[in-house]
């Protein structure tokens, strides 16, 4: 994110964003949600380009939905496969 007068990040926030961007470049897209396991860290990108990052809590046997514990640890959310345009499996932890 670029620092602008209305939204200026601290150096620590800028560094965290650079790390996040390099981390995203070390990702692998699984073929389908059936390959995901509880504990896997994923990035889900919606059709509107909204990004959700978290840990797989539960995946349905047929790969049609996922329960994700968000990175903030405060929210568990259900995602339906049709809502997501791209799923990325994070290969390394931060």
N, C-alpha and C. Protein backbone atom coordinates (compact mmCIF):
# COMPACT_ATOMS: atom_id res chain seq x y z
N UNK A 1 0.84 -1.18 0.00
CA UNK A 1 0.00 0.00 0.00
C UNK A 1 0.89 1.24 0.00
N UNK A 2 0.52 2.23 -0.76
CA UNK A 2 1.27 3.47 -0.87
C UNK A 2 0.82 4.44 0.21
N UNK A 3 1.76 5.14 0.77
CA UNK A 3 1.46 6.15 1.80
C UNK A 3 0.95 7.42 1.12
N UNK A 4 -0.26 7.82 1.47
CA UNK A 4 -0.85 9.05 0.95
C UNK A 4 -1.24 9.90 2.15
N UNK A 5 -1.55 11.19 1.93
CA UNK A 5 -1.94 12.04 3.07
C UNK A 5 -3.14 11.48 3.85
N UNK A 6 -4.07 10.82 3.17
CA UNK A 6 -5.25 10.30 3.85
C UNK A 6 -5.02 8.92 4.45
N UNK A 7 -3.94 8.23 4.04
CA UNK A 7 -3.71 6.87 4.53
C UNK A 7 -2.21 6.61 4.56
N UNK A 8 -1.54 6.98 5.62
CA UNK A 8 -0.10 6.84 5.71
C UNK A 8 0.27 5.72 6.67
N UNK A 9 1.05 4.76 6.17
CA UNK A 9 1.47 3.63 6.99
C UNK A 9 2.78 3.92 7.70
N UNK A 10 2.97 3.32 8.85
CA UNK A 10 4.23 3.41 9.56
C UNK A 10 5.26 2.55 8.84
N UNK A 11 6.56 2.75 9.09
CA UNK A 11 7.58 1.88 8.48
C UNK A 11 7.34 0.41 8.77
N UNK A 12 6.88 0.08 9.97
CA UNK A 12 6.61 -1.32 10.32
C UNK A 12 5.48 -1.88 9.45
N UNK A 13 4.45 -1.08 9.23
CA UNK A 13 3.33 -1.51 8.38
C UNK A 13 3.78 -1.67 6.93
N UNK A 14 4.61 -0.75 6.45
CA UNK A 14 5.13 -0.86 5.10
C UNK A 14 5.98 -2.12 4.94
N UNK A 15 6.80 -2.41 5.93
CA UNK A 15 7.63 -3.61 5.90
C UNK A 15 6.77 -4.86 5.90
N UNK A 16 5.73 -4.88 6.73
CA UNK A 16 4.82 -6.02 6.79
C UNK A 16 4.13 -6.23 5.44
N UNK A 17 3.76 -5.14 4.77
CA UNK A 17 3.11 -5.24 3.46
C UNK A 17 4.07 -5.82 2.42
N UNK A 18 5.34 -5.40 2.45
CA UNK A 18 6.33 -5.96 1.52
C UNK A 18 6.53 -7.44 1.78
N UNK A 19 6.58 -7.84 3.03
CA UNK A 19 6.71 -9.26 3.37
C UNK A 19 5.50 -10.02 2.86
N UNK A 20 4.32 -9.46 3.07
CA UNK A 20 3.09 -10.12 2.62
C UNK A 20 3.10 -10.30 1.11
N UNK A 21 3.53 -9.29 0.38
CA UNK A 21 3.57 -9.39 -1.08
C UNK A 21 4.56 -10.46 -1.53
N UNK A 22 5.72 -10.57 -0.87
CA UNK A 22 6.68 -11.60 -1.26
C UNK A 22 6.17 -12.98 -0.88
N UNK A 23 5.44 -13.08 0.19
CA UNK A 23 4.83 -14.33 0.64
C UNK A 23 3.79 -14.79 -0.34
N UNK A 24 3.00 -13.86 -0.86
CA UNK A 24 1.98 -14.22 -1.85
C UNK A 24 2.64 -14.77 -3.12
N UNK A 25 3.85 -14.31 -3.42
CA UNK A 25 4.52 -14.81 -4.62
C UNK A 25 5.07 -16.22 -4.44
N UNK A 26 4.99 -16.79 -3.23
CA UNK A 26 5.47 -18.15 -3.00
C UNK A 26 4.30 -19.10 -2.75
N UNK A 27 3.24 -18.92 -3.49
CA UNK A 27 2.02 -19.69 -3.29
C UNK A 27 1.78 -20.70 -4.41
N UNK A 28 0.95 -21.66 -4.11
CA UNK A 28 0.59 -22.69 -5.07
C UNK A 28 -0.93 -22.85 -5.04
N UNK A 29 -1.56 -22.88 -6.20
CA UNK A 29 -3.01 -23.07 -6.25
C UNK A 29 -3.35 -24.56 -6.24
N UNK A 30 -4.12 -25.02 -5.26
CA UNK A 30 -4.53 -26.42 -5.29
C UNK A 30 -5.56 -26.65 -6.39
N UNK A 31 -5.65 -27.86 -6.89
CA UNK A 31 -6.59 -28.18 -7.96
C UNK A 31 -8.03 -28.02 -7.50
N UNK A 32 -8.31 -28.42 -6.27
CA UNK A 32 -9.66 -28.26 -5.75
C UNK A 32 -9.64 -28.27 -4.23
N UNK A 33 -10.76 -27.92 -3.64
CA UNK A 33 -10.83 -27.79 -2.19
C UNK A 33 -10.73 -29.13 -1.48
N UNK A 34 -10.95 -30.23 -2.20
CA UNK A 34 -10.82 -31.54 -1.59
C UNK A 34 -9.38 -31.83 -1.18
N UNK A 35 -8.42 -31.11 -1.75
CA UNK A 35 -7.00 -31.31 -1.43
C UNK A 35 -6.57 -30.56 -0.17
N UNK A 36 -7.41 -29.65 0.30
CA UNK A 36 -7.05 -28.86 1.49
C UNK A 36 -7.30 -29.65 2.76
N UNK A 37 -6.43 -29.44 3.74
CA UNK A 37 -6.50 -30.15 5.02
C UNK A 37 -6.68 -29.13 6.15
N UNK A 38 -7.36 -29.53 7.24
CA UNK A 38 -7.44 -28.63 8.39
C UNK A 38 -6.03 -28.20 8.81
N UNK A 39 -5.89 -26.91 9.08
CA UNK A 39 -4.59 -26.35 9.45
C UNK A 39 -3.85 -25.70 8.29
N UNK A 40 -4.26 -26.01 7.04
CA UNK A 40 -3.64 -25.34 5.89
C UNK A 40 -3.98 -23.86 5.92
N UNK A 41 -3.01 -23.03 5.61
CA UNK A 41 -3.25 -21.59 5.50
C UNK A 41 -3.57 -21.28 4.04
N UNK A 42 -4.66 -20.55 3.83
CA UNK A 42 -5.11 -20.26 2.47
C UNK A 42 -5.43 -18.78 2.29
N UNK A 43 -5.35 -18.37 1.05
CA UNK A 43 -5.81 -17.05 0.61
C UNK A 43 -6.94 -17.31 -0.37
N UNK A 44 -8.12 -16.79 -0.07
CA UNK A 44 -9.27 -16.94 -0.95
C UNK A 44 -9.54 -15.59 -1.61
N UNK A 45 -9.64 -15.60 -2.93
CA UNK A 45 -9.90 -14.36 -3.68
C UNK A 45 -11.27 -14.49 -4.32
N UNK A 46 -12.16 -13.57 -3.95
CA UNK A 46 -13.53 -13.60 -4.47
C UNK A 46 -13.62 -13.05 -5.88
N UNK A 47 -14.76 -13.22 -6.48
CA UNK A 47 -14.99 -12.69 -7.83
C UNK A 47 -14.86 -11.18 -7.86
N UNK A 48 -15.08 -10.53 -6.71
CA UNK A 48 -14.94 -9.07 -6.60
C UNK A 48 -13.52 -8.66 -6.19
N UNK A 49 -12.59 -9.63 -6.19
CA UNK A 49 -11.18 -9.45 -5.83
C UNK A 49 -10.94 -9.23 -4.34
N UNK A 50 -11.99 -9.38 -3.52
CA UNK A 50 -11.80 -9.30 -2.07
C UNK A 50 -10.98 -10.50 -1.62
N UNK A 51 -10.01 -10.25 -0.73
CA UNK A 51 -9.10 -11.29 -0.25
C UNK A 51 -9.42 -11.65 1.19
N UNK A 52 -9.44 -12.94 1.47
CA UNK A 52 -9.64 -13.46 2.82
C UNK A 52 -8.53 -14.46 3.10
N UNK A 53 -7.81 -14.25 4.18
CA UNK A 53 -6.72 -15.14 4.54
C UNK A 53 -7.06 -15.80 5.88
N UNK A 54 -6.76 -17.08 5.97
CA UNK A 54 -7.01 -17.77 7.22
C UNK A 54 -6.57 -19.21 7.16
N UNK A 55 -6.97 -19.96 8.17
CA UNK A 55 -6.60 -21.36 8.31
C UNK A 55 -7.82 -22.23 8.09
N UNK A 56 -7.67 -23.28 7.30
CA UNK A 56 -8.77 -24.21 7.06
C UNK A 56 -9.13 -24.88 8.38
N UNK A 57 -10.40 -24.76 8.76
CA UNK A 57 -10.91 -25.45 9.94
C UNK A 57 -11.55 -26.77 9.50
N UNK A 58 -12.41 -26.69 8.49
CA UNK A 58 -13.11 -27.86 7.97
C UNK A 58 -13.32 -27.69 6.48
N UNK A 59 -13.16 -28.77 5.74
CA UNK A 59 -13.48 -28.78 4.31
C UNK A 59 -14.48 -29.90 4.08
N UNK A 60 -15.48 -29.64 3.23
CA UNK A 60 -16.45 -30.69 2.94
C UNK A 60 -15.79 -31.80 2.11
N UNK A 61 -16.30 -33.00 2.23
CA UNK A 61 -15.74 -34.15 1.50
C UNK A 61 -15.81 -33.95 -0.01
N UNK A 62 -16.83 -33.25 -0.48
CA UNK A 62 -16.97 -33.03 -1.92
C UNK A 62 -16.29 -31.75 -2.41
N UNK A 63 -15.67 -31.00 -1.48
CA UNK A 63 -14.96 -29.78 -1.86
C UNK A 63 -15.85 -28.61 -2.21
N UNK A 64 -17.10 -28.63 -1.78
CA UNK A 64 -18.02 -27.55 -2.13
C UNK A 64 -18.00 -26.39 -1.15
N UNK A 65 -17.50 -26.61 0.07
CA UNK A 65 -17.41 -25.51 1.03
C UNK A 65 -16.23 -25.70 1.97
N UNK A 66 -15.81 -24.56 2.57
CA UNK A 66 -14.73 -24.53 3.56
C UNK A 66 -15.16 -23.67 4.74
N UNK A 67 -14.78 -24.10 5.93
CA UNK A 67 -14.84 -23.23 7.10
C UNK A 67 -13.42 -22.73 7.31
N UNK A 68 -13.26 -21.41 7.36
CA UNK A 68 -11.95 -20.78 7.53
C UNK A 68 -11.93 -19.97 8.82
N UNK A 69 -10.87 -20.16 9.61
CA UNK A 69 -10.63 -19.31 10.79
C UNK A 69 -9.76 -18.16 10.28
N UNK A 70 -10.30 -16.95 10.33
CA UNK A 70 -9.57 -15.79 9.80
C UNK A 70 -8.26 -15.56 10.55
N UNK A 71 -7.33 -14.91 9.87
CA UNK A 71 -6.00 -14.65 10.43
C UNK A 71 -6.05 -13.89 11.75
N UNK A 72 -7.08 -13.07 11.93
CA UNK A 72 -7.18 -12.32 13.19
C UNK A 72 -7.58 -13.23 14.35
N UNK A 73 -7.98 -14.47 14.05
CA UNK A 73 -8.32 -15.43 15.08
C UNK A 73 -9.65 -15.21 15.76
N UNK A 74 -10.38 -14.18 15.34
CA UNK A 74 -11.63 -13.84 16.00
C UNK A 74 -12.88 -14.26 15.24
N UNK A 75 -12.71 -14.77 14.04
CA UNK A 75 -13.88 -15.03 13.22
C UNK A 75 -13.69 -16.31 12.41
N UNK A 76 -14.71 -17.13 12.41
CA UNK A 76 -14.75 -18.33 11.60
C UNK A 76 -15.83 -18.08 10.56
N UNK A 77 -15.53 -18.37 9.29
CA UNK A 77 -16.47 -18.04 8.23
C UNK A 77 -16.61 -19.19 7.26
N UNK A 78 -17.80 -19.38 6.76
CA UNK A 78 -18.10 -20.40 5.76
C UNK A 78 -17.94 -19.80 4.37
N UNK A 79 -17.20 -20.48 3.51
CA UNK A 79 -17.06 -20.08 2.11
C UNK A 79 -17.62 -21.18 1.23
N UNK A 80 -18.38 -20.80 0.23
CA UNK A 80 -18.92 -21.73 -0.75
C UNK A 80 -18.08 -21.58 -2.02
N UNK A 81 -17.73 -22.69 -2.63
CA UNK A 81 -16.82 -22.72 -3.77
C UNK A 81 -17.22 -21.71 -4.85
N UNK A 82 -18.51 -21.59 -5.13
CA UNK A 82 -18.99 -20.68 -6.18
C UNK A 82 -18.71 -19.21 -5.87
N UNK A 83 -18.45 -18.87 -4.60
CA UNK A 83 -18.18 -17.49 -4.20
C UNK A 83 -16.73 -17.08 -4.47
N UNK A 84 -15.87 -18.06 -4.70
CA UNK A 84 -14.43 -17.82 -4.76
C UNK A 84 -13.91 -18.05 -6.17
N UNK A 85 -13.16 -17.08 -6.69
CA UNK A 85 -12.60 -17.24 -8.03
C UNK A 85 -11.24 -17.92 -8.01
N UNK A 86 -10.50 -17.77 -6.90
CA UNK A 86 -9.17 -18.36 -6.81
C UNK A 86 -8.86 -18.72 -5.37
N UNK A 87 -8.28 -19.89 -5.18
CA UNK A 87 -7.85 -20.33 -3.86
C UNK A 87 -6.36 -20.60 -3.92
N UNK A 88 -5.63 -20.03 -2.98
CA UNK A 88 -4.18 -20.24 -2.95
C UNK A 88 -3.77 -20.84 -1.62
N UNK A 89 -2.95 -21.89 -1.72
CA UNK A 89 -2.43 -22.54 -0.52
C UNK A 89 -1.10 -21.89 -0.18
N UNK A 90 -0.96 -21.40 1.03
CA UNK A 90 0.26 -20.73 1.46
C UNK A 90 1.27 -21.81 1.86
N UNK A 91 2.45 -21.77 1.26
CA UNK A 91 3.45 -22.80 1.48
C UNK A 91 4.36 -22.51 2.65
N UNK A 92 4.33 -21.30 3.18
CA UNK A 92 5.19 -20.95 4.31
C UNK A 92 4.42 -20.13 5.31
N UNK A 93 4.80 -20.21 6.56
CA UNK A 93 4.14 -19.44 7.62
C UNK A 93 4.89 -18.14 7.88
N UNK A 94 4.16 -17.12 8.26
CA UNK A 94 4.77 -15.86 8.67
C UNK A 94 4.55 -15.66 10.14
